[in-house]
Structure formats: C-alpha cells, structure tokens
C-alpha cells in the first residue's frame, strides 16, 4: 500500500507515467479480486455487551454448541485474533469507526 501511495503521488506530480501508460498500479493493488466484482464487503461487529438505553445486556446465543467459540469480552462465535475482531476491538465496537477504518485500509490497498 505504501508503494501504491508513492506511485499515485508521483503520477499526481507528473513524475511517473499514469495508469493509462503502464500497468504498475494494477500490479501494486493487493488482492485485486476483492473489488473486481464491483462489491466490497466490510464486516462490522456488534459489542459482546450492547447497551440498550442505560442498560447493558449480555448478548449471547441461547444455544451452547461445543464448536462455537465463547471467548470473554468477544462477540459470540468470533475468535480474538480474527482481523475483523481485532478491528472491532481497536475501534471499541463503534460501527462507524470500524467501517471508516476498513474502508481506509481498502483504499490504501488500491480498491
């Protein structure tokens, strides 16, 4: 993403050939298949303890399947080291901040 940023900056300053003249920008896009269909999915997770008014409730599935992770402080069925869970924790489970964070990352990667 840093190379793509530098390349785009150089194109803007007329220091490098534009995307019409070379395929460098296409080569620098990470995981180009993510946006080729025209649809990008951004995962937003809810808090494991959502607030309803002034009341904090424990949000959990009514079932207790043995294969479903149930880590403390994490949404049910998600592991603490998954990218979307890391992003949700980093943004305090705020959906707008999660979306903005992920959208900025995708933009930096050329999507």
Foldseek 3Di string as FASTA:
>chain_A
DVVLVVVVVCVVVVNDDDCVVDVVNVVQQPPVVQCPVPDHDQDADAWCFDDDPNDTHGDDDPDDDPPWDDDPRFHTRDDCPDPLNVLCVVVVSDRVSSVVVVVVVNVVSPD
